[in-house]
């Protein structure tokens, strides 16, 4: 499991990506999944270069605290 967020402050920053990898008994990847999420905020700036326009078409996950 992995997440990408807009920052490190749990009160203000939001999750913008979720990912998972399934591995076999030898830790070889056999399946993977990921999705981008719209944090429902204009304060998106990550080291990957995601922007509000880039995430605006993704499913929304804003409004949590």
PDB file of N, CA and C in Angstrom:
ATOM      1  N   UNK A   1       0.839  -1.165   0.000  1.00  0.00           N
ATOM      2  CA  UNK A   1       0.000   0.000   0.000  1.00  0.00           C
ATOM      3  C   UNK A   1       0.892   1.239   0.000  1.00  0.00           C
ATOM      4  N   UNK A   2       0.448   2.279  -0.695  1.00  0.00           N
ATOM      5  CA  UNK A   2       1.192   3.526  -0.737  1.00  0.00           C
ATOM      6  C   UNK A   2       0.204   4.673  -0.923  1.00  0.00           C
ATOM      7  N   UNK A   3       0.559   5.827  -0.395  1.00  0.00           N
ATOM      8  CA  UNK A   3      -0.248   7.023  -0.589  1.00  0.00           C
ATOM      9  C   UNK A   3       0.653   8.170  -1.002  1.00  0.00           C
ATOM     10  N   UNK A   4       0.076   9.098  -1.737  1.00  0.00           N
ATOM     11  CA  UNK A   4       0.751  10.353  -2.080  1.00  0.00           C
ATOM     12  C   UNK A   4      -0.125  11.457  -1.517  1.00  0.00           C
ATOM     13  N   UNK A   5       0.479  12.395  -0.812  1.00  0.00           N
ATOM     14  CA  UNK A   5      -0.296  13.467  -0.193  1.00  0.00           C
ATOM     15  C   UNK A   5       0.209  14.829  -0.650  1.00  0.00           C
ATOM     16  N   UNK A   6      -0.548  15.872  -0.313  1.00  0.00           N
ATOM     17  CA  UNK A   6      -0.150  17.228  -0.669  1.00  0.00           C
ATOM     18  C   UNK A   6       0.866  17.788   0.319  1.00  0.00           C
ATOM     19  N   UNK A   7       1.135  17.093   1.402  1.00  0.00           N
ATOM     20  CA  UNK A   7       2.096  17.552   2.408  1.00  0.00           C
ATOM     21  C   UNK A   7       2.108  16.631   3.607  1.00  0.00           C
ATOM     22  N   UNK A   8       2.665  17.107   4.714  1.00  0.00           N
ATOM     23  CA  UNK A   8       2.827  16.272   5.896  1.00  0.00           C
ATOM     24  C   UNK A   8       1.910  16.654   7.054  1.00  0.00           C
ATOM     25  N   UNK A   9       1.108  17.688   6.910  1.00  0.00           N
ATOM     26  CA  UNK A   9       0.256  18.146   7.995  1.00  0.00           C
ATOM     27  C   UNK A   9      -1.095  17.436   7.887  1.00  0.00           C
ATOM     28  N   UNK A  10      -1.401  16.534   8.831  1.00  0.00           N
ATOM     29  CA  UNK A  10      -2.633  15.752   8.734  1.00  0.00           C
ATOM     30  C   UNK A  10      -3.895  16.599   8.856  1.00  0.00           C
ATOM     31  N   UNK A  11      -3.774  17.796   9.389  1.00  0.00           N
ATOM     32  CA  UNK A  11      -4.938  18.659   9.540  1.00  0.00           C
ATOM     33  C   UNK A  11      -5.297  19.374   8.230  1.00  0.00           C
ATOM     34  N   UNK A  12      -4.309  19.735   7.432  1.00  0.00           N
ATOM     35  CA  UNK A  12      -4.554  20.547   6.238  1.00  0.00           C
ATOM     36  C   UNK A  12      -4.291  19.838   4.922  1.00  0.00           C
ATOM     37  N   UNK A  13      -3.366  18.905   4.896  1.00  0.00           N
ATOM     38  CA  UNK A  13      -2.995  18.261   3.646  1.00  0.00           C
ATOM     39  C   UNK A  13      -3.918  17.091   3.337  1.00  0.00           C
ATOM     40  N   UNK A  14      -3.968  16.713   2.079  1.00  0.00           N
ATOM     41  CA  UNK A  14      -4.913  15.709   1.613  1.00  0.00           C
ATOM     42  C   UNK A  14      -4.216  14.604   0.830  1.00  0.00           C
ATOM     43  N   UNK A  15      -4.869  13.457   0.772  1.00  0.00           N
ATOM     44  CA  UNK A  15      -4.402  12.329  -0.038  1.00  0.00           C
ATOM     45  C   UNK A  15      -4.784  12.609  -1.488  1.00  0.00           C
ATOM     46  N   UNK A  16      -3.830  12.439  -2.408  1.00  0.00           N
ATOM     47  CA  UNK A  16      -4.127  12.648  -3.826  1.00  0.00           C
ATOM     48  C   UNK A  16      -3.903  11.393  -4.670  1.00  0.00           C
ATOM     49  N   UNK A  17      -3.311  10.346  -4.071  1.00  0.00           N
ATOM     50  CA  UNK A  17      -3.142   9.103  -4.811  1.00  0.00           C
ATOM     51  C   UNK A  17      -3.081   7.927  -3.854  1.00  0.00           C
ATOM     52  N   UNK A  18      -3.699   6.814  -4.269  1.00  0.00           N
ATOM     53  CA  UNK A  18      -3.630   5.551  -3.543  1.00  0.00           C
ATOM     54  C   UNK A  18      -3.085   4.498  -4.490  1.00  0.00           C
ATOM     55  N   UNK A  19      -2.268   3.584  -3.964  1.00  0.00           N
ATOM     56  CA  UNK A  19      -1.711   2.513  -4.792  1.00  0.00           C
ATOM     57  C   UNK A  19      -1.530   1.250  -3.953  1.00  0.00           C
ATOM     58  N   UNK A  20      -1.591   0.115  -4.627  1.00  0.00           N
ATOM     59  CA  UNK A  20      -1.385  -1.167  -3.955  1.00  0.00           C
ATOM     60  C   UNK A  20      -0.703  -2.123  -4.932  1.00  0.00           C
ATOM     61  N   UNK A  21       0.123  -3.008  -4.392  1.00  0.00           N
ATOM     62  CA  UNK A  21       0.786  -4.055  -5.182  1.00  0.00           C
ATOM     63  C   UNK A  21       0.556  -5.380  -4.476  1.00  0.00           C
ATOM     64  N   UNK A  22       0.123  -6.384  -5.226  1.00  0.00           N
ATOM     65  CA  UNK A  22      -0.016  -7.734  -4.686  1.00  0.00           C
ATOM     66  C   UNK A  22       1.201  -8.535  -5.136  1.00  0.00           C
ATOM     67  N   UNK A  23       1.801  -9.269  -4.208  1.00  0.00           N
ATOM     68  CA  UNK A  23       3.010 -10.036  -4.509  1.00  0.00           C
ATOM     69  C   UNK A  23       2.780 -11.514  -4.217  1.00  0.00           C
ATOM     70  N   UNK A  24       3.578 -12.355  -4.871  1.00  0.00           N
ATOM     71  CA  UNK A  24       3.506 -13.788  -4.591  1.00  0.00           C
ATOM     72  C   UNK A  24       4.357 -14.118  -3.361  1.00  0.00           C
ATOM     73  N   UNK A  25       4.501 -15.377  -3.054  1.00  0.00           N
ATOM     74  CA  UNK A  25       5.239 -15.814  -1.860  1.00  0.00           C
ATOM     75  C   UNK A  25       6.711 -15.414  -1.903  1.00  0.00           C
ATOM     76  N   UNK A  26       7.224 -15.087  -3.101  1.00  0.00           N
ATOM     77  CA  UNK A  26       8.618 -14.685  -3.262  1.00  0.00           C
ATOM     78  C   UNK A  26       8.759 -13.173  -3.443  1.00  0.00           C
ATOM     79  N   UNK A  27       7.704 -12.447  -3.147  1.00  0.00           N
ATOM     80  CA  UNK A  27       7.664 -10.985  -3.241  1.00  0.00           C
ATOM     81  C   UNK A  27       7.791 -10.460  -4.673  1.00  0.00           C
ATOM     82  N   UNK A  28       7.457 -11.277  -5.643  1.00  0.00           N
ATOM     83  CA  UNK A  28       7.396 -10.824  -7.027  1.00  0.00           C
ATOM     84  C   UNK A  28       6.032 -10.183  -7.265  1.00  0.00           C
ATOM     85  N   UNK A  29       5.981  -8.995  -7.843  1.00  0.00           N
ATOM     86  CA  UNK A  29       4.687  -8.357  -8.105  1.00  0.00           C
ATOM     87  C   UNK A  29       3.858  -9.184  -9.085  1.00  0.00           C
ATOM     88  N   UNK A  30       2.598  -9.421  -8.746  1.00  0.00           N
ATOM     89  CA  UNK A  30       1.702 -10.164  -9.638  1.00  0.00           C
ATOM     90  C   UNK A  30       0.511  -9.307 -10.073  1.00  0.00           C
ATOM     91  N   UNK A  31       0.239  -8.218  -9.372  1.00  0.00           N
ATOM     92  CA  UNK A  31      -0.858  -7.336  -9.732  1.00  0.00           C
ATOM     93  C   UNK A  31      -0.629  -5.985  -9.064  1.00  0.00           C
ATOM     94  N   UNK A  32      -1.146  -4.928  -9.672  1.00  0.00           N
ATOM     95  CA  UNK A  32      -1.019  -3.606  -9.062  1.00  0.00           C
ATOM     96  C   UNK A  32      -2.235  -2.761  -9.425  1.00  0.00           C
ATOM     97  N   UNK A  33      -2.458  -1.732  -8.638  1.00  0.00           N
ATOM     98  CA  UNK A  33      -3.595  -0.833  -8.826  1.00  0.00           C
ATOM     99  C   UNK A  33      -3.217   0.532  -8.287  1.00  0.00           C
ATOM    100  N   UNK A  34      -3.704   1.610  -8.928  1.00  0.00           N
ATOM    101  CA  UNK A  34      -3.526   2.953  -8.374  1.00  0.00           C
ATOM    102  C   UNK A  34      -4.623   3.859  -8.909  1.00  0.00           C
ATOM    103  N   UNK A  35      -4.910   4.896  -8.173  1.00  0.00           N
ATOM    104  CA  UNK A  35      -5.879   5.888  -8.600  1.00  0.00           C
ATOM    105  C   UNK A  35      -5.486   7.251  -8.059  1.00  0.00           C
ATOM    106  N   UNK A  36      -5.743   8.280  -8.846  1.00  0.00           N
ATOM    107  CA  UNK A  36      -5.565   9.656  -8.391  1.00  0.00           C
ATOM    108  C   UNK A  36      -6.865  10.101  -7.744  1.00  0.00           C
ATOM    109  N   UNK A  37      -6.783  10.999  -6.786  1.00  0.00           N
ATOM    110  CA  UNK A  37      -7.953  11.525  -6.095  1.00  0.00           C
ATOM    111  C   UNK A  37      -7.933  13.040  -6.129  1.00  0.00           C
ATOM    112  N   UNK A  38      -9.100  13.644  -6.247  1.00  0.00           N
ATOM    113  CA  UNK A  38      -9.246  15.094  -6.201  1.00  0.00           C
ATOM    114  C   UNK A  38      -9.387  15.490  -4.734  1.00  0.00           C
ATOM    115  N   UNK A  39      -8.444  16.250  -4.177  1.00  0.00           N
ATOM    116  CA  UNK A  39      -8.515  16.603  -2.757  1.00  0.00           C
ATOM    117  C   UNK A  39      -9.516  17.711  -2.459  1.00  0.00           C
ATOM    118  N   UNK A  40     -10.233  18.207  -3.466  1.00  0.00           N
ATOM    119  CA  UNK A  40     -11.241  19.247  -3.293  1.00  0.00           C
ATOM    120  C   UNK A  40     -10.672  20.486  -2.613  1.00  0.00           C
ATOM    121  N   UNK A  41      -9.486  20.886  -3.053  1.00  0.00           N
ATOM    122  CA  UNK A  41      -8.834  22.080  -2.530  1.00  0.00           C
ATOM    123  C   UNK A  41      -7.948  22.662  -3.615  1.00  0.00           C
ATOM    124  N   UNK A  42      -7.688  23.955  -3.579  1.00  0.00           N
ATOM    125  CA  UNK A  42      -6.782  24.584  -4.533  1.00  0.00           C
ATOM    126  C   UNK A  42      -5.344  24.568  -4.047  1.00  0.00           C
ATOM    127  N   UNK A  43      -5.109  24.095  -2.837  1.00  0.00           N
ATOM    128  CA  UNK A  43      -3.772  24.113  -2.248  1.00  0.00           C
ATOM    129  C   UNK A  43      -3.010  22.842  -2.566  1.00  0.00           C
ATOM    130  N   UNK A  44      -2.960  22.463  -3.832  1.00  0.00           N
ATOM    131  CA  UNK A  44      -2.256  21.248  -4.229  1.00  0.00           C
ATOM    132  C   UNK A  44      -0.929  21.617  -4.863  1.00  0.00           C
ATOM    133  N   UNK A  45       0.124  21.157  -4.258  1.00  0.00           N
ATOM    134  CA  UNK A  45       1.461  21.343  -4.805  1.00  0.00           C
ATOM    135  C   UNK A  45       2.311  20.202  -4.298  1.00  0.00           C
ATOM    136  N   UNK A  46       2.722  19.326  -5.182  1.00  0.00           N
ATOM    137  CA  UNK A  46       3.523  18.178  -4.771  1.00  0.00           C
ATOM    138  C   UNK A  46       4.830  18.158  -5.544  1.00  0.00           C
ATOM    139  N   UNK A  47       5.740  17.336  -5.094  1.00  0.00           N
ATOM    140  CA  UNK A  47       7.023  17.211  -5.773  1.00  0.00           C
ATOM    141  C   UNK A  47       6.850  16.541  -7.130  1.00  0.00           C
ATOM    142  N   UNK A  48       5.720  15.857  -7.349  1.00  0.00           N
ATOM    143  CA  UNK A  48       5.472  15.219  -8.646  1.00  0.00           C
ATOM    144  C   UNK A  48       4.923  16.191  -9.662  1.00  0.00           C
ATOM    145  N   UNK A  49       4.498  17.374  -9.232  1.00  0.00           N
ATOM    146  CA  UNK A  49       3.974  18.356 -10.164  1.00  0.00           C
ATOM    147  C   UNK A  49       2.482  18.278 -10.377  1.00  0.00           C
ATOM    148  N   UNK A  50       1.757  17.549  -9.540  1.00  0.00           N
ATOM    149  CA  UNK A  50       0.306  17.514  -9.664  1.00  0.00           C
ATOM    150  C   UNK A  50      -0.263  18.889  -9.347  1.00  0.00           C
ATOM    151  N   UNK A  51      -1.291  19.283 -10.066  1.00  0.00           N
ATOM    152  CA  UNK A  51      -1.922  20.586  -9.889  1.00  0.00           C
ATOM    153  C   UNK A  51      -3.428  20.398  -9.730  1.00  0.00           C
ATOM    154  N   UNK A  52      -4.150  21.430  -9.254  1.00  0.00           N
ATOM    155  CA  UNK A  52      -5.609  21.306  -9.175  1.00  0.00           C
ATOM    156  C   UNK A  52      -6.240  20.941 -10.518  1.00  0.00           C
ATOM    157  N   UNK A  53      -5.744  21.497 -11.603  1.00  0.00           N
ATOM    158  CA  UNK A  53      -6.294  21.180 -12.925  1.00  0.00           C
ATOM    159  C   UNK A  53      -6.057  19.718 -13.282  1.00  0.00           C
ATOM    160  N   UNK A  54      -4.907  19.192 -12.913  1.00  0.00           N
ATOM    161  CA  UNK A  54      -4.552  17.808 -13.196  1.00  0.00           C
ATOM    162  C   UNK A  54      -5.430  16.840 -12.416  1.00  0.00           C
ATOM    163  N   UNK A  55      -5.785  17.184 -11.183  1.00  0.00           N
ATOM    164  CA  UNK A  55      -6.557  16.289 -10.321  1.00  0.00           C
ATOM    165  C   UNK A  55      -8.051  16.577 -10.349  1.00  0.00           C
ATOM    166  N   UNK A  56      -8.462  17.659 -10.994  1.00  0.00           N
ATOM    167  CA  UNK A  56      -9.858  18.076 -10.975  1.00  0.00           C
ATOM    168  C   UNK A  56     -10.837  17.097 -11.573  1.00  0.00           C
ATOM    169  N   UNK A  57     -10.388  16.225 -12.465  1.00  0.00           N
ATOM    170  CA  UNK A  57     -11.282  15.254 -13.084  1.00  0.00           C
ATOM    171  C   UNK A  57     -11.312  13.929 -12.333  1.00  0.00           C
ATOM    172  N   UNK A  58     -10.557  13.810 -11.253  1.00  0.00           N
ATOM    173  CA  UNK A  58     -10.481  12.569 -10.491  1.00  0.00           C
ATOM    174  C   UNK A  58     -11.591  12.512  -9.437  1.00  0.00           C
ATOM    175  N   UNK A  59     -11.900  11.308  -8.904  1.00  0.00           N
ATOM    176  CA  UNK A  59     -12.895  11.207  -7.846  1.00  0.00           C
ATOM    177  C   UNK A  59     -12.522  12.086  -6.661  1.00  0.00           C
ATOM    178  N   UNK A  60     -13.513  12.668  -6.016  1.00  0.00           N
ATOM    179  CA  UNK A  60     -13.280  13.613  -4.932  1.00  0.00           C
ATOM    180  C   UNK A  60     -13.182  12.903  -3.584  1.00  0.00           C
ATOM    181  N   UNK A  61     -12.236  13.327  -2.781  1.00  0.00           N
ATOM    182  CA  UNK A  61     -12.116  12.777  -1.423  1.00  0.00           C
ATOM    183  C   UNK A  61     -11.938  13.893  -0.402  1.00  0.00           C
ATOM    184  N   UNK A  62     -12.288  15.111  -0.730  1.00  0.00           N
ATOM    185  CA  UNK A  62     -12.127  16.240   0.179  1.00  0.00           C
ATOM    186  C   UNK A  62     -13.180  16.253   1.261  1.00  0.00           C
ATOM    187  N   UNK A  63     -13.050  17.194   2.178  1.00  0.00           N
ATOM    188  CA  UNK A  63     -14.048  17.383   3.201  1.00  0.00           C
ATOM    189  C   UNK A  63     -13.872  16.529   4.427  1.00  0.00           C
ATOM    190  N   UNK A  64     -12.773  15.807   4.531  1.00  0.00           N
ATOM    191  CA  UNK A  64     -12.545  15.021   5.733  1.00  0.00           C
ATOM    192  C   UNK A  64     -11.620  15.767   6.661  1.00  0.00           C
ATOM    193  N   UNK A  65     -11.579  15.354   7.903  1.00  0.00           N
ATOM    194  CA  UNK A  65     -10.682  16.009   8.855  1.00  0.00           C
ATOM    195  C   UNK A  65     -10.032  14.989   9.756  1.00  0.00           C
TER     196      UNK A  65
END
